[in-house]
Amino acid sequence: MTDRTLTATRHTHSQGALVLAVAGELDHHTAPEFTRVVQETPFGPDAPVLIDASGLTYCDSTGITVFVSAYQRAQKTGTRLFVVGLNADLTRVFGIVGLDQLFTFQPTVDDAINALRA
């Protein structure tokens, strides 16, 4: 049996963006942790949210649902939302399910911060 581990944390970047870092395997068993962090994050127009997925190694449909719920909250609250650091396999999965039409992707947190200034 595979050890399913996930860490999900939030911190504020020095430029004011809220960074939600998610690392490990995001699936049915671990999604509640990431869901909790998303729900506890104060979305609003004054603080962009960056989901740092650079440490994410796996994401199933339950995990995708958490990403979609973050997108929906961002839309309702006028929050700028970026997904950063997706590996090639997850970028392909996100594209297949159409999430590339919802999210703005950036390779790194710094790239997303620079895009916010543009």
PDB file of N, CA and C in Angstrom:
ATOM      1  N   MET A   1       0.835  -1.182   0.000  1.00  0.00           N
ATOM      2  CA  MET A   1       0.000   0.000   0.000  1.00  0.00           C
ATOM      3  C   MET A   1       0.875   1.239   0.000  1.00  0.00           C
ATOM      4  N   THR A   2       0.536   2.195  -0.829  1.00  0.00           N
ATOM      5  CA  THR A   2       1.286   3.433  -0.927  1.00  0.00           C
ATOM      6  C   THR A   2       0.960   4.336   0.247  1.00  0.00           C
ATOM      7  N   ASP A   3       1.993   4.986   0.765  1.00  0.00           N
ATOM      8  CA  ASP A   3       1.789   5.950   1.836  1.00  0.00           C
ATOM      9  C   ASP A   3       1.320   7.258   1.205  1.00  0.00           C
ATOM     10  N   ARG A   4       0.076   7.587   1.418  1.00  0.00           N
ATOM     11  CA  ARG A   4      -0.491   8.810   0.836  1.00  0.00           C
ATOM     12  C   ARG A   4      -0.256   9.967   1.796  1.00  0.00           C
ATOM     13  N   THR A   5       0.623  10.860   1.403  1.00  0.00           N
ATOM     14  CA  THR A   5       0.886  12.014   2.244  1.00  0.00           C
ATOM     15  C   THR A   5       0.697  13.284   1.442  1.00  0.00           C
ATOM     16  N   LEU A   6       0.242  14.298   2.135  1.00  0.00           N
ATOM     17  CA  LEU A   6       0.038  15.601   1.529  1.00  0.00           C
ATOM     18  C   LEU A   6       0.301  16.647   2.595  1.00  0.00           C
ATOM     19  N   THR A   7       0.961  17.709   2.186  1.00  0.00           N
ATOM     20  CA  THR A   7       1.055  18.876   3.052  1.00  0.00           C
ATOM     21  C   THR A   7       0.419  20.041   2.313  1.00  0.00           C
ATOM     22  N   ALA A   8      -0.307  20.834   3.052  1.00  0.00           N
ATOM     23  CA  ALA A   8      -0.941  22.033   2.492  1.00  0.00           C
ATOM     24  C   ALA A   8      -0.789  23.135   3.518  1.00  0.00           C
ATOM     25  N   THR A   9      -0.147  24.211   3.108  1.00  0.00           N
ATOM     26  CA  THR A   9       0.114  25.325   4.014  1.00  0.00           C
ATOM     27  C   THR A   9      -0.190  26.645   3.322  1.00  0.00           C
ATOM     28  N   ARG A  10      -0.286  27.697   4.119  1.00  0.00           N
ATOM     29  CA  ARG A  10      -0.505  29.041   3.570  1.00  0.00           C
ATOM     30  C   ARG A  10       0.486  29.987   4.213  1.00  0.00           C
ATOM     31  N   HIS A  11       1.049  30.857   3.391  1.00  0.00           N
ATOM     32  CA  HIS A  11       1.871  31.941   3.912  1.00  0.00           C
ATOM     33  C   HIS A  11       1.682  33.162   3.025  1.00  0.00           C
ATOM     34  N   THR A  12       2.081  34.296   3.543  1.00  0.00           N
ATOM     35  CA  THR A  12       1.971  35.542   2.785  1.00  0.00           C
ATOM     36  C   THR A  12       3.332  35.873   2.191  1.00  0.00           C
ATOM     37  N   HIS A  13       3.355  36.056   0.886  1.00  0.00           N
ATOM     38  CA  HIS A  13       4.576  36.439   0.174  1.00  0.00           C
ATOM     39  C   HIS A  13       4.927  37.872   0.556  1.00  0.00           C
ATOM     40  N   SER A  14       6.188  38.228   0.470  1.00  0.00           N
ATOM     41  CA  SER A  14       6.618  39.587   0.828  1.00  0.00           C
ATOM     42  C   SER A  14       5.928  40.659  -0.018  1.00  0.00           C
ATOM     43  N   GLN A  15       5.404  40.278  -1.192  1.00  0.00           N
ATOM     44  CA  GLN A  15       4.691  41.228  -2.059  1.00  0.00           C
ATOM     45  C   GLN A  15       3.190  41.249  -1.788  1.00  0.00           C
ATOM     46  N   GLY A  16       2.730  40.503  -0.771  1.00  0.00           N
ATOM     47  CA  GLY A  16       1.334  40.559  -0.353  1.00  0.00           C
ATOM     48  C   GLY A  16       0.436  39.444  -0.843  1.00  0.00           C
ATOM     49  N   ALA A  17       0.896  38.649  -1.789  1.00  0.00           N
ATOM     50  CA  ALA A  17       0.075  37.543  -2.284  1.00  0.00           C
ATOM     51  C   ALA A  17       0.008  36.434  -1.236  1.00  0.00           C
ATOM     52  N   LEU A  18      -1.128  35.748  -1.203  1.00  0.00           N
ATOM     53  CA  LEU A  18      -1.272  34.584  -0.340  1.00  0.00           C
ATOM     54  C   LEU A  18      -0.848  33.359  -1.135  1.00  0.00           C
ATOM     55  N   VAL A  19       0.097  32.606  -0.604  1.00  0.00           N
ATOM     56  CA  VAL A  19       0.626  31.430  -1.291  1.00  0.00           C
ATOM     57  C   VAL A  19       0.120  30.185  -0.574  1.00  0.00           C
ATOM     58  N   LEU A  20      -0.635  29.372  -1.303  1.00  0.00           N
ATOM     59  CA  LEU A  20      -1.100  28.092  -0.786  1.00  0.00           C
ATOM     60  C   LEU A  20      -0.195  27.024  -1.387  1.00  0.00           C
ATOM     61  N   ALA A  21       0.644  26.437  -0.573  1.00  0.00           N
ATOM     62  CA  ALA A  21       1.580  25.419  -1.058  1.00  0.00           C
ATOM     63  C   ALA A  21       0.993  24.041  -0.796  1.00  0.00           C
ATOM     64  N   VAL A  22       0.909  23.259  -1.847  1.00  0.00           N
ATOM     65  CA  VAL A  22       0.382  21.899  -1.735  1.00  0.00           C
ATOM     66  C   VAL A  22       1.426  20.943  -2.314  1.00  0.00           C
ATOM     67  N   ALA A  23       1.768  19.912  -1.525  1.00  0.00           N
ATOM     68  CA  ALA A  23       2.820  18.991  -1.947  1.00  0.00           C
ATOM     69  C   ALA A  23       2.434  17.565  -1.573  1.00  0.00           C
ATOM     70  N   GLY A  24       2.783  16.642  -2.444  1.00  0.00           N
ATOM     71  CA  GLY A  24       2.495  15.229  -2.208  1.00  0.00           C
ATOM     72  C   GLY A  24       1.408  14.734  -3.134  1.00  0.00           C
ATOM     73  N   GLU A  25       0.623  13.789  -2.641  1.00  0.00           N
ATOM     74  CA  GLU A  25      -0.444  13.176  -3.431  1.00  0.00           C
ATOM     75  C   GLU A  25      -1.796  13.738  -3.012  1.00  0.00           C
ATOM     76  N   LEU A  26      -2.466  14.379  -3.963  1.00  0.00           N
ATOM     77  CA  LEU A  26      -3.780  14.974  -3.709  1.00  0.00           C
ATOM     78  C   LEU A  26      -4.844  14.041  -4.268  1.00  0.00           C
ATOM     79  N   ASP A  27      -5.523  13.336  -3.357  1.00  0.00           N
ATOM     80  CA  ASP A  27      -6.536  12.377  -3.774  1.00  0.00           C
ATOM     81  C   ASP A  27      -7.683  12.370  -2.760  1.00  0.00           C
ATOM     82  N   HIS A  28      -8.563  11.403  -2.903  1.00  0.00           N
ATOM     83  CA  HIS A  28      -9.738  11.300  -2.035  1.00  0.00           C
ATOM     84  C   HIS A  28      -9.362  11.296  -0.553  1.00  0.00           C
ATOM     85  N   HIS A  29      -8.259  10.659  -0.215  1.00  0.00           N
ATOM     86  CA  HIS A  29      -7.856  10.527   1.183  1.00  0.00           C
ATOM     87  C   HIS A  29      -7.210  11.795   1.738  1.00  0.00           C
ATOM     88  N   THR A  30      -6.538  12.554   0.877  1.00  0.00           N
ATOM     89  CA  THR A  30      -5.768  13.705   1.356  1.00  0.00           C
ATOM     90  C   THR A  30      -6.403  15.052   1.024  1.00  0.00           C
ATOM     91  N   ALA A  31      -7.399  15.059   0.157  1.00  0.00           N
ATOM     92  CA  ALA A  31      -8.029  16.318  -0.269  1.00  0.00           C
ATOM     93  C   ALA A  31      -8.589  17.151   0.889  1.00  0.00           C
ATOM     94  N   PRO A  32      -9.094  16.562   1.968  1.00  0.00           N
ATOM     95  CA  PRO A  32      -9.617  17.407   3.051  1.00  0.00           C
ATOM     96  C   PRO A  32      -8.592  18.395   3.617  1.00  0.00           C
ATOM     97  N   GLU A  33      -7.335  18.024   3.624  1.00  0.00           N
ATOM     98  CA  GLU A  33      -6.302  18.941   4.142  1.00  0.00           C
ATOM     99  C   GLU A  33      -6.167  20.169   3.242  1.00  0.00           C
ATOM    100  N   PHE A  34      -6.106  19.952   1.927  1.00  0.00           N
ATOM    101  CA  PHE A  34      -6.005  21.074   0.996  1.00  0.00           C
ATOM    102  C   PHE A  34      -7.305  21.881   1.000  1.00  0.00           C
ATOM    103  N   THR A  35      -8.431  21.202   1.090  1.00  0.00           N
ATOM    104  CA  THR A  35      -9.726  21.886   1.171  1.00  0.00           C
ATOM    105  C   THR A  35      -9.768  22.817   2.372  1.00  0.00           C
ATOM    106  N   ARG A  36      -9.285  22.360   3.504  1.00  0.00           N
ATOM    107  CA  ARG A  36      -9.266  23.169   4.727  1.00  0.00           C
ATOM    108  C   ARG A  36      -8.451  24.443   4.513  1.00  0.00           C
ATOM    109  N   VAL A  37      -7.277  24.312   3.907  1.00  0.00           N
ATOM    110  CA  VAL A  37      -6.424  25.479   3.678  1.00  0.00           C
ATOM    111  C   VAL A  37      -7.107  26.459   2.722  1.00  0.00           C
ATOM    112  N   VAL A  38      -7.718  25.948   1.663  1.00  0.00           N
ATOM    113  CA  VAL A  38      -8.437  26.821   0.718  1.00  0.00           C
ATOM    114  C   VAL A  38      -9.583  27.536   1.428  1.00  0.00           C
ATOM    115  N   GLN A  39     -10.357  26.807   2.222  1.00  0.00           N
ATOM    116  CA  GLN A  39     -11.511  27.400   2.901  1.00  0.00           C
ATOM    117  C   GLN A  39     -11.100  28.430   3.949  1.00  0.00           C
ATOM    118  N   GLU A  40      -9.943  28.236   4.578  1.00  0.00           N
ATOM    119  CA  GLU A  40      -9.490  29.165   5.606  1.00  0.00           C
ATOM    120  C   GLU A  40      -8.753  30.375   5.042  1.00  0.00           C
ATOM    121  N   THR A  41      -8.518  30.385   3.748  1.00  0.00           N
ATOM    122  CA  THR A  41      -7.820  31.500   3.109  1.00  0.00           C
ATOM    123  C   THR A  41      -8.803  32.630   2.834  1.00  0.00           C
ATOM    124  N   PRO A  42      -8.462  33.847   3.255  1.00  0.00           N
ATOM    125  CA  PRO A  42      -9.352  34.982   3.015  1.00  0.00           C
ATOM    126  C   PRO A  42      -9.215  35.501   1.576  1.00  0.00           C
ATOM    127  N   PHE A  43     -10.052  35.002   0.688  1.00  0.00           N
ATOM    128  CA  PHE A  43     -10.058  35.454  -0.705  1.00  0.00           C
ATOM    129  C   PHE A  43     -10.636  36.863  -0.757  1.00  0.00           C
ATOM    130  N   GLY A  44     -10.080  37.704  -1.617  1.00  0.00           N
ATOM    131  CA  GLY A  44     -10.594  39.053  -1.794  1.00  0.00           C
ATOM    132  C   GLY A  44      -9.783  39.787  -2.842  1.00  0.00           C
ATOM    133  N   PRO A  45     -10.291  40.895  -3.338  1.00  0.00           N
ATOM    134  CA  PRO A  45      -9.637  41.602  -4.439  1.00  0.00           C
ATOM    135  C   PRO A  45      -8.292  42.228  -4.073  1.00  0.00           C
ATOM    136  N   ASP A  46      -8.019  42.390  -2.796  1.00  0.00           N
ATOM    137  CA  ASP A  46      -6.780  43.055  -2.389  1.00  0.00           C
ATOM    138  C   ASP A  46      -5.594  42.118  -2.208  1.00  0.00           C
ATOM    139  N   ALA A  47      -5.828  40.812  -2.200  1.00  0.00           N
ATOM    140  CA  ALA A  47      -4.736  39.857  -1.997  1.00  0.00           C
ATOM    141  C   ALA A  47      -4.859  38.711  -2.985  1.00  0.00           C
ATOM    142  N   PRO A  48      -4.020  38.703  -4.012  1.00  0.00           N
ATOM    143  CA  PRO A  48      -4.057  37.583  -4.953  1.00  0.00           C
ATOM    144  C   PRO A  48      -3.682  36.276  -4.260  1.00  0.00           C
ATOM    145  N   VAL A  49      -4.139  35.168  -4.831  1.00  0.00           N
ATOM    146  CA  VAL A  49      -3.857  33.844  -4.289  1.00  0.00           C
ATOM    147  C   VAL A  49      -3.058  33.057  -5.328  1.00  0.00           C
ATOM    148  N   LEU A  50      -1.943  32.498  -4.869  1.00  0.00           N
ATOM    149  CA  LEU A  50      -1.105  31.669  -5.718  1.00  0.00           C
ATOM    150  C   LEU A  50      -1.120  30.255  -5.148  1.00  0.00           C
ATOM    151  N   ILE A  51      -1.567  29.299  -5.930  1.00  0.00           N
ATOM    152  CA  ILE A  51      -1.508  27.904  -5.500  1.00  0.00           C
ATOM    153  C   ILE A  51      -0.191  27.343  -6.017  1.00  0.00           C
ATOM    154  N   ASP A  52       0.733  27.126  -5.092  1.00  0.00           N
ATOM    155  CA  ASP A  52       2.048  26.601  -5.441  1.00  0.00           C
ATOM    156  C   ASP A  52       1.971  25.081  -5.446  1.00  0.00           C
ATOM    157  N   ALA A  53       1.880  24.530  -6.647  1.00  0.00           N
ATOM    158  CA  ALA A  53       1.753  23.082  -6.816  1.00  0.00           C
ATOM    159  C   ALA A  53       3.073  22.452  -7.233  1.00  0.00           C
ATOM    160  N   SER A  54       4.187  23.143  -7.003  1.00  0.00           N
ATOM    161  CA  SER A  54       5.480  22.624  -7.445  1.00  0.00           C
ATOM    162  C   SER A  54       5.856  21.318  -6.751  1.00  0.00           C
ATOM    163  N   GLY A  55       5.290  21.057  -5.587  1.00  0.00           N
ATOM    164  CA  GLY A  55       5.562  19.812  -4.886  1.00  0.00           C
ATOM    165  C   GLY A  55       4.489  18.760  -5.061  1.00  0.00           C
ATOM    166  N   LEU A  56       3.497  19.044  -5.888  1.00  0.00           N
ATOM    167  CA  LEU A  56       2.388  18.110  -6.101  1.00  0.00           C
ATOM    168  C   LEU A  56       2.833  17.009  -7.062  1.00  0.00           C
ATOM    169  N   THR A  57       2.695  15.769  -6.629  1.00  0.00           N
ATOM    170  CA  THR A  57       3.145  14.646  -7.458  1.00  0.00           C
ATOM    171  C   THR A  57       1.995  13.884  -8.103  1.00  0.00           C
ATOM    172  N   TYR A  58       0.778  14.052  -7.576  1.00  0.00           N
ATOM    173  CA  TYR A  58      -0.370  13.313  -8.080  1.00  0.00           C
ATOM    174  C   TYR A  58      -1.626  14.103  -7.745  1.00  0.00           C
ATOM    175  N   CYS A  59      -2.600  14.061  -8.648  1.00  0.00           N
ATOM    176  CA  CYS A  59      -3.878  14.734  -8.400  1.00  0.00           C
ATOM    177  C   CYS A  59      -4.976  13.959  -9.114  1.00  0.00           C
ATOM    178  N   ASP A  60      -5.944  13.438  -8.334  1.00  0.00           N
ATOM    179  CA  ASP A  60      -7.067  12.729  -8.942  1.00  0.00           C
ATOM    180  C   ASP A  60      -8.263  13.674  -9.063  1.00  0.00           C
ATOM    181  N   SER A  61      -9.404  13.126  -9.412  1.00  0.00           N
ATOM    182  CA  SER A  61     -10.585  13.963  -9.641  1.00  0.00           C
ATOM    183  C   SER A  61     -11.031  14.696  -8.376  1.00  0.00           C
ATOM    184  N   THR A  62     -10.817  14.108  -7.216  1.00  0.00           N
ATOM    185  CA  THR A  62     -11.167  14.793  -5.968  1.00  0.00           C
ATOM    186  C   THR A  62     -10.287  16.021  -5.789  1.00  0.00           C
ATOM    187  N   GLY A  63      -9.023  15.877  -6.091  1.00  0.00           N
ATOM    188  CA  GLY A  63      -8.105  17.011  -6.012  1.00  0.00           C
ATOM    189  C   GLY A  63      -8.467  18.094  -7.007  1.00  0.00           C
ATOM    190  N   ILE A  64      -8.840  17.682  -8.206  1.00  0.00           N
ATOM    191  CA  ILE A  64      -9.256  18.655  -9.220  1.00  0.00           C
ATOM    192  C   ILE A  64     -10.467  19.440  -8.723  1.00  0.00           C
ATOM    193  N   THR A  65     -11.356  18.775  -8.015  1.00  0.00           N
ATOM    194  CA  THR A  65     -12.529  19.450  -7.452  1.00  0.00           C
ATOM    195  C   THR A  65     -12.114  20.549  -6.469  1.00  0.00           C
ATOM    196  N   VAL A  66     -11.065  20.314  -5.702  1.00  0.00           N
ATOM    197  CA  VAL A  66     -10.588  21.342  -4.768  1.00  0.00           C
ATOM    198  C   VAL A  66     -10.054  22.538  -5.547  1.00  0.00           C
ATOM    199  N   PHE A  67      -9.310  22.288  -6.605  1.00  0.00           N
ATOM    200  CA  PHE A  67      -8.819  23.382  -7.446  1.00  0.00           C
ATOM    201  C   PHE A  67      -9.989  24.180  -8.022  1.00  0.00           C
ATOM    202  N   VAL A  68     -11.010  23.484  -8.498  1.00  0.00           N
ATOM    203  CA  VAL A  68     -12.179  24.160  -9.076  1.00  0.00           C
ATOM    204  C   VAL A  68     -12.897  24.984  -8.009  1.00  0.00           C
ATOM    205  N   SER A  69     -12.995  24.470  -6.798  1.00  0.00           N
ATOM    206  CA  SER A  69     -13.651  25.241  -5.735  1.00  0.00           C
ATOM    207  C   SER A  69     -12.852  26.506  -5.417  1.00  0.00           C
ATOM    208  N   ALA A  70     -11.531  26.425  -5.466  1.00  0.00           N
ATOM    209  CA  ALA A  70     -10.704  27.625  -5.269  1.00  0.00           C
ATOM    210  C   ALA A  70     -10.963  28.627  -6.392  1.00  0.00           C
ATOM    211  N   TYR A  71     -11.060  28.125  -7.617  1.00  0.00           N
ATOM    212  CA  TYR A  71     -11.362  28.996  -8.756  1.00  0.00           C
ATOM    213  C   TYR A  71     -12.716  29.687  -8.568  1.00  0.00           C
ATOM    214  N   GLN A  72     -13.719  28.924  -8.144  1.00  0.00           N
ATOM    215  CA  GLN A  72     -15.051  29.502  -7.950  1.00  0.00           C
ATOM    216  C   GLN A  72     -15.040  30.578  -6.864  1.00  0.00           C
ATOM    217  N   ARG A  73     -14.328  30.337  -5.770  1.00  0.00           N
ATOM    218  CA  ARG A  73     -14.217  31.356  -4.719  1.00  0.00           C
ATOM    219  C   ARG A  73     -13.534  32.601  -5.250  1.00  0.00           C
ATOM    220  N   ALA A  74     -12.491  32.416  -6.030  1.00  0.00           N
ATOM    221  CA  ALA A  74     -11.770  33.557  -6.599  1.00  0.00           C
ATOM    222  C   ALA A  74     -12.692  34.374  -7.504  1.00  0.00           C
ATOM    223  N   GLN A  75     -13.485  33.699  -8.310  1.00  0.00           N
ATOM    224  CA  GLN A  75     -14.408  34.395  -9.201  1.00  0.00           C
ATOM    225  C   GLN A  75     -15.445  35.193  -8.411  1.00  0.00           C
ATOM    226  N   LYS A  76     -15.988  34.600  -7.359  1.00  0.00           N
ATOM    227  CA  LYS A  76     -17.020  35.266  -6.555  1.00  0.00           C
ATOM    228  C   LYS A  76     -16.489  36.471  -5.790  1.00  0.00           C
ATOM    229  N   THR A  77     -15.199  36.435  -5.449  1.00  0.00           N
ATOM    230  CA  THR A  77     -14.647  37.485  -4.595  1.00  0.00           C
ATOM    231  C   THR A  77     -13.742  38.464  -5.331  1.00  0.00           C
ATOM    232  N   GLY A  78     -13.570  38.265  -6.623  1.00  0.00           N
ATOM    233  CA  GLY A  78     -12.709  39.159  -7.393  1.00  0.00           C
ATOM    234  C   GLY A  78     -11.230  38.983  -7.095  1.00  0.00           C
ATOM    235  N   THR A  79     -10.844  37.774  -6.717  1.00  0.00           N
ATOM    236  CA  THR A  79      -9.452  37.477  -6.378  1.00  0.00           C
ATOM    237  C   THR A  79      -8.702  37.013  -7.615  1.00  0.00           C
ATOM    238  N   ARG A  80      -7.507  37.565  -7.823  1.00  0.00           N
ATOM    239  CA  ARG A  80      -6.647  37.045  -8.889  1.00  0.00           C
ATOM    240  C   ARG A  80      -6.044  35.741  -8.391  1.00  0.00           C
ATOM    241  N   LEU A  81      -6.119  34.698  -9.221  1.00  0.00           N
ATOM    242  CA  LEU A  81      -5.684  33.366  -8.820  1.00  0.00           C
ATOM    243  C   LEU A  81      -4.746  32.797  -9.875  1.00  0.00           C
ATOM    244  N   PHE A  82      -3.602  32.288  -9.410  1.00  0.00           N
ATOM    245  CA  PHE A  82      -2.637  31.636 -10.283  1.00  0.00           C
ATOM    246  C   PHE A  82      -2.336  30.247  -9.737  1.00  0.00           C
ATOM    247  N   VAL A  83      -2.053  29.313 -10.629  1.00  0.00           N
ATOM    248  CA  VAL A  83      -1.511  28.016 -10.245  1.00  0.00           C
ATOM    249  C   VAL A  83      -0.070  28.018 -10.734  1.00  0.00           C
ATOM    250  N   VAL A  84       0.847  27.732  -9.831  1.00  0.00           N
ATOM    251  CA  VAL A  84       2.261  27.781 -10.198  1.00  0.00           C
ATOM    252  C   VAL A  84       2.939  26.436  -9.963  1.00  0.00           C
ATOM    253  N   GLY A  85       3.916  26.161 -10.824  1.00  0.00           N
ATOM    254  CA  GLY A  85       4.805  25.039 -10.625  1.00  0.00           C
ATOM    255  C   GLY A  85       4.274  23.664 -10.954  1.00  0.00           C
ATOM    256  N   LEU A  86       3.191  23.561 -11.715  1.00  0.00           N
ATOM    257  CA  LEU A  86       2.691  22.223 -12.075  1.00  0.00           C
ATOM    258  C   LEU A  86       3.734  21.487 -12.903  1.00  0.00           C
ATOM    259  N   ASN A  87       3.951  20.211 -12.589  1.00  0.00           N
ATOM    260  CA  ASN A  87       4.867  19.430 -13.402  1.00  0.00           C
ATOM    261  C   ASN A  87       4.207  19.097 -14.754  1.00  0.00           C
ATOM    262  N   ALA A  88       4.984  18.561 -15.666  1.00  0.00           N
ATOM    263  CA  ALA A  88       4.491  18.305 -17.027  1.00  0.00           C
ATOM    264  C   ALA A  88       3.306  17.348 -17.041  1.00  0.00           C
ATOM    265  N   ASP A  89       3.347  16.295 -16.218  1.00  0.00           N
ATOM    266  CA  ASP A  89       2.247  15.332 -16.202  1.00  0.00           C
ATOM    267  C   ASP A  89       0.952  15.979 -15.720  1.00  0.00           C
ATOM    268  N   LEU A  90       1.032  16.764 -14.652  1.00  0.00           N
ATOM    269  CA  LEU A  90      -0.184  17.404 -14.142  1.00  0.00           C
ATOM    270  C   LEU A  90      -0.656  18.522 -15.060  1.00  0.00           C
ATOM    271  N   THR A  91       0.249  19.194 -15.728  1.00  0.00           N
ATOM    272  CA  THR A  91      -0.152  20.208 -16.716  1.00  0.00           C
ATOM    273  C   THR A  91      -0.967  19.538 -17.817  1.00  0.00           C
ATOM    274  N   ARG A  92      -0.536  18.362 -18.224  1.00  0.00           N
ATOM    275  CA  ARG A  92      -1.273  17.618 -19.254  1.00  0.00           C
ATOM    276  C   ARG A  92      -2.657  17.223 -18.750  1.00  0.00           C
ATOM    277  N   VAL A  93      -2.754  16.716 -17.517  1.00  0.00           N
ATOM    278  CA  VAL A  93      -4.044  16.326 -16.946  1.00  0.00           C
ATOM    279  C   VAL A  93      -4.959  17.544 -16.851  1.00  0.00           C
ATOM    280  N   PHE A  94      -4.441  18.659 -16.357  1.00  0.00           N
ATOM    281  CA  PHE A  94      -5.257  19.869 -16.243  1.00  0.00           C
ATOM    282  C   PHE A  94      -5.751  20.305 -17.614  1.00  0.00           C
ATOM    283  N   GLY A  95      -4.907  20.154 -18.634  1.00  0.00           N
ATOM    284  CA  GLY A  95      -5.326  20.499 -19.993  1.00  0.00           C
ATOM    285  C   GLY A  95      -6.410  19.579 -20.515  1.00  0.00           C
ATOM    286  N   ILE A  96      -6.284  18.293 -20.253  1.00  0.00           N
ATOM    287  CA  ILE A  96      -7.265  17.307 -20.723  1.00  0.00           C
ATOM    288  C   ILE A  96      -8.644  17.599 -20.149  1.00  0.00           C
ATOM    289  N   VAL A  97      -8.700  17.970 -18.869  1.00  0.00           N
ATOM    290  CA  VAL A  97      -9.999  18.223 -18.236  1.00  0.00           C
ATOM    291  C   VAL A  97     -10.460  19.676 -18.392  1.00  0.00           C
ATOM    292  N   GLY A  98      -9.691  20.485 -19.108  1.00  0.00           N
ATOM    293  CA  GLY A  98     -10.117  21.846 -19.418  1.00  0.00           C
ATOM    294  C   GLY A  98      -9.756  22.899 -18.386  1.00  0.00           C
ATOM    295  N   LEU A  99      -8.970  22.544 -17.389  1.00  0.00           N
ATOM    296  CA  LEU A  99      -8.612  23.540 -16.377  1.00  0.00           C
ATOM    297  C   LEU A  99      -7.651  24.595 -16.911  1.00  0.00           C
ATOM    298  N   ASP A 100      -7.021  24.312 -18.032  1.00  0.00           N
ATOM    299  CA  ASP A 100      -6.171  25.327 -18.650  1.00  0.00           C
ATOM    300  C   ASP A 100      -7.002  26.498 -19.178  1.00  0.00           C
ATOM    301  N   GLN A 101      -8.311  26.299 -19.284  1.00  0.00           N
ATOM    302  CA  GLN A 101      -9.215  27.379 -19.701  1.00  0.00           C
ATOM    303  C   GLN A 101      -9.655  28.241 -18.508  1.00  0.00           C
ATOM    304  N   LEU A 102      -9.487  27.718 -17.296  1.00  0.00           N
ATOM    305  CA  LEU A 102      -9.896  28.447 -16.092  1.00  0.00           C
ATOM    306  C   LEU A 102      -8.744  29.160 -15.414  1.00  0.00           C
ATOM    307  N   PHE A 103      -7.627  28.478 -15.306  1.00  0.00           N
ATOM    308  CA  PHE A 103      -6.515  28.979 -14.513  1.00  0.00           C
ATOM    309  C   PHE A 103      -5.462  29.669 -15.351  1.00  0.00           C
ATOM    310  N   THR A 104      -4.771  30.597 -14.704  1.00  0.00           N
ATOM    311  CA  THR A 104      -3.555  31.163 -15.258  1.00  0.00           C
ATOM    312  C   THR A 104      -2.400  30.411 -14.617  1.00  0.00           C
ATOM    313  N   PHE A 105      -1.554  29.825 -15.438  1.00  0.00           N
ATOM    314  CA  PHE A 105      -0.426  29.044 -14.953  1.00  0.00           C
ATOM    315  C   PHE A 105       0.855  29.859 -15.065  1.00  0.00           C
ATOM    316  N   GLN A 106       1.710  29.708 -14.084  1.00  0.00           N
ATOM    317  CA  GLN A 106       3.040  30.309 -14.101  1.00  0.00           C
ATOM    318  C   GLN A 106       4.027  29.247 -13.627  1.00  0.00           C
ATOM    319  N   PRO A 107       5.264  29.300 -14.115  1.00  0.00           N
ATOM    320  CA  PRO A 107       6.229  28.268 -13.724  1.00  0.00           C
ATOM    321  C   PRO A 107       6.660  28.350 -12.254  1.00  0.00           C
ATOM    322  N   THR A 108       6.753  29.574 -11.713  1.00  0.00           N
ATOM    323  CA  THR A 108       7.219  29.739 -10.331  1.00  0.00           C
ATOM    324  C   THR A 108       6.400  30.820  -9.631  1.00  0.00           C
ATOM    325  N   VAL A 109       6.528  30.860  -8.325  1.00  0.00           N
ATOM    326  CA  VAL A 109       5.870  31.910  -7.541  1.00  0.00           C
ATOM    327  C   VAL A 109       6.394  33.276  -7.981  1.00  0.00           C
ATOM    328  N   ASP A 110       7.703  33.399  -8.175  1.00  0.00           N
ATOM    329  CA  ASP A 110       8.267  34.686  -8.600  1.00  0.00           C
ATOM    330  C   ASP A 110       7.711  35.125  -9.949  1.00  0.00           C
ATOM    331  N   ASP A 111       7.535  34.181 -10.882  1.00  0.00           N
ATOM    332  CA  ASP A 111       6.939  34.520 -12.177  1.00  0.00           C
ATOM    333  C   ASP A 111       5.508  35.022 -11.993  1.00  0.00           C
ATOM    334  N   ALA A 112       4.752  34.400 -11.092  1.00  0.00           N
ATOM    335  CA  ALA A 112       3.370  34.843 -10.826  1.00  0.00           C
ATOM    336  C   ALA A 112       3.366  36.231 -10.198  1.00  0.00           C
ATOM    337  N   ILE A 113       4.285  36.500  -9.274  1.00  0.00           N
ATOM    338  CA  ILE A 113       4.382  37.824  -8.649  1.00  0.00           C
ATOM    339  C   ILE A 113       4.698  38.862  -9.722  1.00  0.00           C
ATOM    340  N   ASN A 114       5.616  38.553 -10.623  1.00  0.00           N
ATOM    341  CA  ASN A 114       5.944  39.478 -11.713  1.00  0.00           C
ATOM    342  C   ASN A 114       4.742  39.696 -12.627  1.00  0.00           C
ATOM    343  N   ALA A 115       3.959  38.647 -12.890  1.00  0.00           N
ATOM    344  CA  ALA A 115       2.770  38.783 -13.742  1.00  0.00           C
ATOM    345  C   ALA A 115       1.718  39.667 -13.071  1.00  0.00           C
ATOM    346  N   LEU A 116       1.656  39.640 -11.755  1.00  0.00           N
ATOM    347  CA  LEU A 116       0.702  40.493 -11.042  1.00  0.00           C
ATOM    348  C   LEU A 116       1.048  41.966 -11.212  1.00  0.00           C
ATOM    349  N   ARG A 117       2.324  42.270 -11.343  1.00  0.00           N
ATOM    350  CA  ARG A 117       2.775  43.657 -11.501  1.00  0.00           C
ATOM    351  C   ARG A 117       2.551  44.175 -12.905  1.00  0.00           C
ATOM    352  N   ALA A 118       2.415  43.255 -13.872  1.00  0.00           N
ATOM    353  CA  ALA A 118       2.287  43.656 -15.288  1.00  0.00           C
ATOM    354  C   ALA A 118       0.932  44.263 -15.568  1.00  0.00           C
TER     355      ALA A 118
END
